[in-house]
Amino acid sequence: RSALARILHKRAPVAAFECFMQSLRASRKASKGPSQAASAEGLTSAAWSWAEALQGQESHREDISREELAAAVQRSGIGEVKTFSPPVEAGKNLYAEFQQKALGRYDQLDAALEAWEFLTHSLPQQALAAVASTEEGSYSFPRRDVLTLTVRAEALLRLGRWDDAAEDCAKALAIFPESSMARLIQAEVNLRLGYLTDCVEDCDAVLDREPGCAKASALRGEARLGLGQLEEAVLDCDWALAHGRREAAVLAVRGSAHRKLGNFKEAVLDADEAIRDVPSCAEAFLVLGQAHLDLGDTTRAMAELSKVIDLASATREVLSTALAYRADALVSVQRYDEAVSDCTKALQISSSPLALAIRGEAKLLSSAYRGAVEDCNAALVLEPDDPYTLAVRAEAWLCLGNADEAISDCDQALQLSPELEYAVVTRERACSRSEKAPLPRVSVG
C-alpha cells in the first residue's frame, strides 16, 4: 500500500497499473475464500489505486470512505457498484460485496489475473487463451471492462495481431480516455502499424500524465526516428536510457538516429553496447554495418550485415534493409552479380526503393543499361525525390544514347542535392555527348 502511495504521488499511472496487478495476484494467492480480512483489504486498496491511476489524481489517501471507494471503482469501468459495507466491517462482508458488485463476474477477474501472469512470463498466447475463456465460457465477455480489454490488447500486441490490439485499445479508451496503460499499448500498436504521428501523439498523452514513463519516451523516440526527427529521437532515447529503460532496442534506435545525423562514433558505441546486452539484437548489427559502410570499411560492413541476415530474430523489415545495404557494399567492391542477388532477395521480402536503386546501379555497372533504367523507374515511383537514383538513371540513359533524358535527370538531381558529384560529372558528359561507357562509382556526395 505504501508502495502504491509513492508511485501515485509521482503521478505514475502506468507503474500503478503494474503494481495493481501484482497486488491483486498476491491477494488472491494469500486467500482461499472471502473470510480473509487481509485479502479484502489488499484487493480493495489495489482496486482503488487502479481507479485513482486512471483518473490521474496526484495523491493517495489512507482514509478513503466507502462512498469514495465505490465511486472510484465505478469510474474505473471495472464493474457496477451500488453499495459498500463500511471499512470497519472489512473481512468477509467487504470482500464478498467487492467480489459481487465491484468486479461483476468473478471469472472475469480470474481471467485477467491469469493472463497478466502469463504476460509477465512472456507467454502471450497463453495470456490470450486465458482472457478468451471468459468470452467462450458460461459468462459473456464484459464489454465495459477496461482491465480485461487492456490486458488482452497487450497480449494481442505481443502476438503481432496489431489490428485486433488496436480495436481493444480503442474500446478501453472509449470507456475511459485517461487510461495511461491502454494509451501506451495503443502507442506501440500505432508504431508497429506505421502510424508514426499517432504514436507520437499517444506517447505525448502518456508523458503529460506520467513524465517519467521511460517506455513512452522510448516508443516516441522510435517513431520520431521514422519521421526523420533525428535530434528529437536522440533526446527521447537519452531520457529512456537514463530512466531505467537501458535496453538493446532503445540503444539501437539511438544508434540509428546518430548514424543518420553523421555521428558515426556514437552510432558504433550504441550498437556495440546493445550487442553486448543482447547478442542477437539484429537492429544493432544493422546499425553497426551501416555505420561501417558510411565510414568506408566495406569488409567490416559486409561482415556485420551478414550477421543480421543469418539471425533468426531479424524482422522482415530489418532483413530486407540488411540485404540492400550489403548489396551496396558489394557494388563498392565490384561484385555486381552478388549485389543484384541480394537486392532481389530484399525485394521478395518488401518493396524497397533502396534495394531497387542499388540493383539499378549494379545493373548499370554490369552493362545492363535497360534493366538499370527499369529499376530506377520503379524506385522513383516509391521515392520520387532521391537524387542519387536520378543520377544513376541519368548515367543509364547516357549509356543508352539518350543524352537529353540524362541531362533532365541530372538537373532534377542537382536541384535536390547541388553538390552531388555523380550528377555533376554525368551532366558534363551528357552535354558533351562523350563516350557511352558507364562512369565508375563515386561518392554519393
Foldseek 3Di string as FASTA:
>chain_A
DVVLQVCLLLLNLVVLVVVLLVLLVVLPVVDDAQQDLVSQVSNLQSLLSNLCSLVLDNGDDPPDWFVNSQVSLVLLLQFAGDGADTPVVRGNRRSVNCCCGSNPDNLQVVLLSVLVVCVVVVNLVVNLVSNCCCCPDPHHRDQRHLSSLLSNLVSCVSVVVLVSSLVSLVSSCVSRVSNLSSLQSNLVSCVVVVVLVSSLVSLVSNCVSNVLPLSSLLSNLLSCVVVVVLVSSLVSLVSSCVRPNVALVSLLSNLQSCVVVVNLVSNLVSLVVNCVVPVLPLSSLQSNLVSCVVVVNLVSSLVSLVSSCPRPPRDLVSNLSSLLVNLVSCVVVLVLVSSLVSLVVSVVSDPALSSLLSNLLSCLLVVVLVSSLVSLVSSCVVVVQDLVSLLSNLLSCLLVVNLVSSLVSLVSSCVSPVPQPSSVVSNVCSVVSDDNRGDRDDDRD
